[in-house]
Every structure is written in C-alpha cells, then in structure tokens.
Amino acid sequence: MELLVIQNRVFEARGYRVMLDFHLAEMYQVETRVLKQAVRRNIERFPTDFMFELTKTEATELISIGVSQSVIPPDYNFGSSMPFVFTEQGVSMLSTVLKSKTAIQMNILIMRAFVRLRELTTGYADLKRQLEEYQVNTTMQIAEILDIINEMAEKQHAMYKSPTVVTGFIT
C-alpha cells in the first residue's frame, strides 16, 4: 500500500491526526469487530490521547465530509457502536495487540505516513512563516513608496499653486 493512500486516510478529530478503526482493520486485513475486540481487551494500552470513540455528531460530520473525500462512505452502517479513531501513538500501540505479520508490516507503513505528514506540516509552517515575513517586508516597502509619492505630489501641488510673478510684460 502506498504512503499516499495511507496519508489520505489520516484526518483531524479533536485536534489530533487520527485514523478510523475500519480503515485500519482493512489495512491490517482483519474485521473491524476483531480490531475493536482486541482494543477492548487491552483498553489500558489506549488512553484517550491514543484512541477515542467518535460521538454520533462527529461520525455524522465525517459522513458528510466523506461524500467528497472518502472519509466515511455515506452508506456506512455504524451498528451499535461508533467508530474508534487512533492517533499516531494509538496506531503504534495496535501492533502490540494485533500480532500478525500483516499488522506489523502495515504498522511500519502507517508510521512512515505519519512521519511524512509531520514533515509536510513542518515544511508548510516554515513556508507560511516566510510568506508572512515577505508580506510584512513588502507592506513596509509599499508604505515607504507611497510616502515618497505623496511627498512628490505635495511638492508638485505646492509648485503649481504658488503665484508666479510676471514682470516686464508688454501689451
């Protein structure tokens, strides 16, 4: 599975970058029910900053986003429980409760995808900072140019307003 495919399954919820349980189950080649059972049996390994259950409102919001971004398909049936979402640390912890070779290999790919996203975000933050600095510098330069233009306009205006004395005019 390509890193880009994995990266497209990472989204933000409650200020965390997370992945949905059914996407992870698909990648680990287990049923979502099996993944959730393994997590529930080892719940002490998953504090709330590693994994949490979406509220109905959050899940509904993801469905509405999913129509255009494939987060949650619009016809997805939640059943009696809402989806679990896992942060990067929670995904890492999943490899300790899902011990298949597929789960371990997929976990390595997912960790690489999270690292790549972090690198992209850091690069974006640097670019944003540089653009803001450029904008401030450009704004200051434009203000200086406008001041010079205003001074020149005032001088020109004063020059044309001053009375000119014509002497020695013969009619």
C-alpha atoms as a PDB file:
ATOM      1  CA  MET A   1       0.000   0.000   0.000  1.00  0.00           C
ATOM      2  CA  GLU A   2       1.350   3.379  -0.955  1.00  0.00           C
ATOM      3  CA  LEU A   3       2.136   6.060   1.611  1.00  0.00           C
ATOM      4  CA  LEU A   4      -0.167   8.475  -0.219  1.00  0.00           C
ATOM      5  CA  VAL A   5      -3.112   6.089   0.159  1.00  0.00           C
ATOM      6  CA  ILE A   6      -2.407   5.841   3.886  1.00  0.00           C
ATOM      7  CA  GLN A   7      -1.937   9.610   4.210  1.00  0.00           C
ATOM      8  CA  ASN A   8      -5.351  10.117   2.617  1.00  0.00           C
ATOM      9  CA  ARG A   9      -6.866   8.077   5.440  1.00  0.00           C
ATOM     10  CA  VAL A  10      -5.491  10.348   8.115  1.00  0.00           C
ATOM     11  CA  PHE A  11      -7.770  13.179   9.188  1.00  0.00           C
ATOM     12  CA  GLU A  12      -8.181  15.510  12.128  1.00  0.00           C
ATOM     13  CA  ALA A  13     -10.550  14.990  15.046  1.00  0.00           C
ATOM     14  CA  ARG A  14     -10.468  16.805  18.391  1.00  0.00           C
ATOM     15  CA  GLY A  15      -7.144  18.366  17.459  1.00  0.00           C
ATOM     16  CA  TYR A  16      -5.432  15.041  16.737  1.00  0.00           C
ATOM     17  CA  ARG A  17      -4.395  13.419  13.482  1.00  0.00           C
ATOM     18  CA  VAL A  18      -6.250  10.130  13.550  1.00  0.00           C
ATOM     19  CA  MET A  19      -7.173   7.056  11.542  1.00  0.00           C
ATOM     20  CA  LEU A  20     -10.527   5.280  11.661  1.00  0.00           C
ATOM     21  CA  ASP A  21     -10.894   1.765  13.024  1.00  0.00           C
ATOM     22  CA  PHE A  22     -12.426   0.339   9.857  1.00  0.00           C
ATOM     23  CA  HIS A  23      -9.660   1.792   7.667  1.00  0.00           C
ATOM     24  CA  LEU A  24      -7.062   0.264   9.968  1.00  0.00           C
ATOM     25  CA  ALA A  25      -8.908  -3.064  10.053  1.00  0.00           C
ATOM     26  CA  GLU A  26      -8.954  -3.076   6.265  1.00  0.00           C
ATOM     27  CA  MET A  27      -5.237  -2.352   6.101  1.00  0.00           C
ATOM     28  CA  TYR A  28      -4.423  -4.954   8.774  1.00  0.00           C
ATOM     29  CA  GLN A  29      -6.684  -7.433   6.944  1.00  0.00           C
ATOM     30  CA  VAL A  30      -8.899  -8.144   9.962  1.00  0.00           C
ATOM     31  CA  GLU A  31     -12.558  -7.444  10.594  1.00  0.00           C
ATOM     32  CA  THR A  32     -13.344  -4.164  12.340  1.00  0.00           C
ATOM     33  CA  ARG A  33     -15.092  -6.192  15.041  1.00  0.00           C
ATOM     34  CA  VAL A  34     -11.874  -8.163  15.692  1.00  0.00           C
ATOM     35  CA  LEU A  35      -9.799  -4.979  15.897  1.00  0.00           C
ATOM     36  CA  LYS A  36     -12.249  -3.416  18.362  1.00  0.00           C
ATOM     37  CA  GLN A  37     -12.327  -6.591  20.476  1.00  0.00           C
ATOM     38  CA  ALA A  38      -8.531  -6.630  20.688  1.00  0.00           C
ATOM     39  CA  VAL A  39      -8.540  -2.977  21.735  1.00  0.00           C
ATOM     40  CA  ARG A  40     -11.270  -3.510  24.361  1.00  0.00           C
ATOM     41  CA  ARG A  41      -9.376  -6.488  25.812  1.00  0.00           C
ATOM     42  CA  ASN A  42      -6.304  -4.265  26.136  1.00  0.00           C
ATOM     43  CA  ILE A  43      -8.006  -0.950  26.870  1.00  0.00           C
ATOM     44  CA  GLU A  44      -5.327   0.063  29.421  1.00  0.00           C
ATOM     45  CA  ARG A  45      -2.909   0.399  26.473  1.00  0.00           C
ATOM     46  CA  PHE A  46      -5.141   3.006  24.833  1.00  0.00           C
ATOM     47  CA  PRO A  47      -5.520   6.210  26.874  1.00  0.00           C
ATOM     48  CA  THR A  48      -7.679   8.941  25.360  1.00  0.00           C
ATOM     49  CA  ASP A  49      -4.717  10.576  23.618  1.00  0.00           C
ATOM     50  CA  PHE A  50      -4.071   7.242  21.821  1.00  0.00           C
ATOM     51  CA  MET A  51      -7.641   6.254  20.952  1.00  0.00           C
ATOM     52  CA  PHE A  52     -11.168   7.524  21.454  1.00  0.00           C
ATOM     53  CA  GLU A  53     -14.652   6.753  20.228  1.00  0.00           C
ATOM     54  CA  LEU A  54     -16.302   9.290  17.965  1.00  0.00           C
ATOM     55  CA  THR A  55     -19.567  10.843  19.030  1.00  0.00           C
ATOM     56  CA  LYS A  56     -22.613  10.484  16.816  1.00  0.00           C
ATOM     57  CA  THR A  57     -22.208  14.125  15.775  1.00  0.00           C
ATOM     58  CA  GLU A  58     -18.542  13.630  14.834  1.00  0.00           C
ATOM     59  CA  ALA A  59     -19.358  10.467  12.884  1.00  0.00           C
ATOM     60  CA  THR A  60     -22.202  12.219  11.053  1.00  0.00           C
ATOM     61  CA  GLU A  61     -19.871  15.109  10.214  1.00  0.00           C
ATOM     62  CA  LEU A  62     -17.328  12.657   8.790  1.00  0.00           C
ATOM     63  CA  ILE A  63     -20.042  11.079   6.669  1.00  0.00           C
ATOM     64  CA  SER A  64     -20.900  14.478   5.206  1.00  0.00           C
ATOM     65  CA  ILE A  65     -17.196  15.083   4.510  1.00  0.00           C
ATOM     66  CA  GLY A  66     -16.895  11.522   3.215  1.00  0.00           C
ATOM     67  CA  VAL A  67     -19.154  12.172   0.261  1.00  0.00           C
ATOM     68  CA  SER A  68     -16.367  14.185  -1.326  1.00  0.00           C
ATOM     69  CA  GLN A  69     -13.270  12.882   0.459  1.00  0.00           C
ATOM     70  CA  SER A  70     -13.996   9.195   1.158  1.00  0.00           C
ATOM     71  CA  VAL A  71     -13.529   9.583   4.925  1.00  0.00           C
ATOM     72  CA  ILE A  72     -16.656   7.589   5.780  1.00  0.00           C
ATOM     73  CA  PRO A  73     -18.825   6.374   2.913  1.00  0.00           C
ATOM     74  CA  PRO A  74     -22.359   7.823   3.050  1.00  0.00           C
ATOM     75  CA  ASP A  75     -23.913   4.346   3.252  1.00  0.00           C
ATOM     76  CA  TYR A  76     -21.673   3.162   6.119  1.00  0.00           C
ATOM     77  CA  ASN A  77     -23.586   1.384   8.898  1.00  0.00           C
ATOM     78  CA  PHE A  78     -22.193   2.096  12.349  1.00  0.00           C
ATOM     79  CA  GLY A  79     -24.294  -0.524  14.057  1.00  0.00           C
ATOM     80  CA  SER A  80     -24.485  -0.203  17.815  1.00  0.00           C
ATOM     81  CA  SER A  81     -21.104   1.444  18.358  1.00  0.00           C
ATOM     82  CA  MET A  82     -19.413   4.492  16.938  1.00  0.00           C
ATOM     83  CA  PRO A  83     -16.041   4.223  15.216  1.00  0.00           C
ATOM     84  CA  PHE A  84     -12.840   4.273  17.221  1.00  0.00           C
ATOM     85  CA  VAL A  85     -10.148   6.626  16.000  1.00  0.00           C
ATOM     86  CA  PHE A  86      -6.473   6.144  16.705  1.00  0.00           C
ATOM     87  CA  THR A  87      -3.760   8.771  16.986  1.00  0.00           C
ATOM     88  CA  GLU A  88      -0.250   8.019  15.790  1.00  0.00           C
ATOM     89  CA  GLN A  89       0.606   6.610  19.215  1.00  0.00           C
ATOM     90  CA  GLY A  90      -2.571   4.532  19.214  1.00  0.00           C
ATOM     91  CA  VAL A  91      -1.765   3.083  15.803  1.00  0.00           C
ATOM     92  CA  SER A  92       1.666   2.187  17.118  1.00  0.00           C
ATOM     93  CA  MET A  93       0.075   0.509  20.132  1.00  0.00           C
ATOM     94  CA  LEU A  94      -2.191  -1.523  17.830  1.00  0.00           C
ATOM     95  CA  SER A  95       0.817  -3.537  16.704  1.00  0.00           C
ATOM     96  CA  THR A  96       1.146  -4.829  20.261  1.00  0.00           C
ATOM     97  CA  VAL A  97      -2.403  -6.193  20.304  1.00  0.00           C
ATOM     98  CA  LEU A  98      -2.660  -7.291  16.659  1.00  0.00           C
ATOM     99  CA  LYS A  99       0.339  -9.533  16.304  1.00  0.00           C
ATOM    100  CA  SER A 100       0.013 -10.785  12.732  1.00  0.00           C
ATOM    101  CA  LYS A 101       2.861 -10.170  10.281  1.00  0.00           C
ATOM    102  CA  THR A 102       0.481  -8.155   8.106  1.00  0.00           C
ATOM    103  CA  ALA A 103      -0.377  -5.903  11.059  1.00  0.00           C
ATOM    104  CA  ILE A 104       3.282  -5.336  11.868  1.00  0.00           C
ATOM    105  CA  GLN A 105       4.237  -4.570   8.241  1.00  0.00           C
ATOM    106  CA  MET A 106       1.247  -2.295   7.779  1.00  0.00           C
ATOM    107  CA  ASN A 107       2.038  -0.570  11.051  1.00  0.00           C
ATOM    108  CA  ILE A 108       5.503   0.299   9.761  1.00  0.00           C
ATOM    109  CA  LEU A 109       3.987   1.829   6.623  1.00  0.00           C
ATOM    110  CA  ILE A 110       1.443   3.789   8.657  1.00  0.00           C
ATOM    111  CA  MET A 111       4.168   5.150  10.942  1.00  0.00           C
ATOM    112  CA  ARG A 112       6.083   6.280   7.852  1.00  0.00           C
ATOM    113  CA  ALA A 113       2.951   8.011   6.561  1.00  0.00           C
ATOM    114  CA  PHE A 114       2.514   9.869   9.865  1.00  0.00           C
ATOM    115  CA  VAL A 115       6.182  10.924   9.774  1.00  0.00           C
ATOM    116  CA  ARG A 116       5.764  12.156   6.190  1.00  0.00           C
ATOM    117  CA  LEU A 117       2.672  14.159   7.157  1.00  0.00           C
ATOM    118  CA  ARG A 118       4.594  15.709  10.042  1.00  0.00           C
ATOM    119  CA  GLU A 119       7.414  16.649   7.639  1.00  0.00           C
ATOM    120  CA  LEU A 120       4.927  18.202   5.224  1.00  0.00           C
ATOM    121  CA  THR A 121       3.280  20.145   8.027  1.00  0.00           C
ATOM    122  CA  THR A 122       6.633  21.409   9.280  1.00  0.00           C
ATOM    123  CA  GLY A 123       7.546  22.480   5.754  1.00  0.00           C
ATOM    124  CA  TYR A 124       4.181  24.202   5.424  1.00  0.00           C
ATOM    125  CA  ALA A 125       4.711  26.041   8.719  1.00  0.00           C
ATOM    126  CA  ASP A 126       8.137  27.265   7.551  1.00  0.00           C
ATOM    127  CA  LEU A 127       6.699  28.363   4.207  1.00  0.00           C
ATOM    128  CA  LYS A 128       3.843  30.165   5.955  1.00  0.00           C
ATOM    129  CA  ARG A 129       6.310  31.970   8.250  1.00  0.00           C
ATOM    130  CA  GLN A 130       8.436  33.007   5.245  1.00  0.00           C
ATOM    131  CA  LEU A 131       5.374  34.295   3.386  1.00  0.00           C
ATOM    132  CA  GLU A 132       4.284  36.293   6.432  1.00  0.00           C
ATOM    133  CA  GLU A 133       7.768  37.843   6.692  1.00  0.00           C
ATOM    134  CA  TYR A 134       7.710  38.637   2.974  1.00  0.00           C
ATOM    135  CA  GLN A 135       4.258  40.175   3.344  1.00  0.00           C
ATOM    136  CA  VAL A 136       5.415  42.377   6.238  1.00  0.00           C
ATOM    137  CA  ASN A 137       8.526  43.470   4.315  1.00  0.00           C
ATOM    138  CA  THR A 138       6.517  44.105   1.160  1.00  0.00           C
ATOM    139  CA  THR A 139       3.903  46.075   3.097  1.00  0.00           C
ATOM    140  CA  MET A 140       6.639  48.230   4.650  1.00  0.00           C
ATOM    141  CA  GLN A 141       8.243  48.824   1.229  1.00  0.00           C
ATOM    142  CA  ILE A 142       4.895  49.752  -0.304  1.00  0.00           C
ATOM    143  CA  ALA A 143       4.239  52.166   2.585  1.00  0.00           C
ATOM    144  CA  GLU A 144       7.646  53.804   2.012  1.00  0.00           C
ATOM    145  CA  ILE A 145       6.976  54.125  -1.739  1.00  0.00           C
ATOM    146  CA  LEU A 146       3.549  55.629  -1.052  1.00  0.00           C
ATOM    147  CA  ASP A 147       5.130  58.154   1.358  1.00  0.00           C
ATOM    148  CA  ILE A 148       7.634  59.195  -1.350  1.00  0.00           C
ATOM    149  CA  ILE A 149       4.846  59.525  -3.941  1.00  0.00           C
ATOM    150  CA  ASN A 150       2.755  61.615  -1.506  1.00  0.00           C
ATOM    151  CA  GLU A 151       5.729  63.910  -0.793  1.00  0.00           C
ATOM    152  CA  MET A 152       6.361  64.363  -4.512  1.00  0.00           C
ATOM    153  CA  ALA A 153       2.679  65.040  -5.135  1.00  0.00           C
ATOM    154  CA  GLU A 154       2.593  67.631  -2.347  1.00  0.00           C
ATOM    155  CA  LYS A 155       5.689  69.382  -3.739  1.00  0.00           C
ATOM    156  CA  GLN A 156       4.222  69.395  -7.219  1.00  0.00           C
ATOM    157  CA  HIS A 157       0.898  70.643  -5.932  1.00  0.00           C
ATOM    158  CA  ALA A 158       2.628  73.413  -3.963  1.00  0.00           C
ATOM    159  CA  MET A 159       4.668  74.392  -7.001  1.00  0.00           C
ATOM    160  CA  TYR A 160       1.585  74.834  -9.207  1.00  0.00           C
ATOM    161  CA  LYS A 161      -0.385  76.643  -6.509  1.00  0.00           C
ATOM    162  CA  SER A 162       2.265  79.317  -5.822  1.00  0.00           C
ATOM    163  CA  PRO A 163       1.607  82.558  -7.698  1.00  0.00           C
ATOM    164  CA  THR A 164       4.014  83.334 -10.495  1.00  0.00           C
ATOM    165  CA  VAL A 165       5.023  86.925 -10.940  1.00  0.00           C
ATOM    166  CA  VAL A 166       5.307  88.067 -14.484  1.00  0.00           C
ATOM    167  CA  THR A 167       7.291  91.242 -14.913  1.00  0.00           C
ATOM    168  CA  GLY A 168       8.081  93.225 -17.956  1.00  0.00           C
ATOM    169  CA  PHE A 169       5.032  92.139 -19.789  1.00  0.00           C
ATOM    170  CA  ILE A 170       4.379  94.433 -22.738  1.00  0.00           C
ATOM    171  CA  THR A 171       0.983  94.678 -24.225  1.00  0.00           C
END
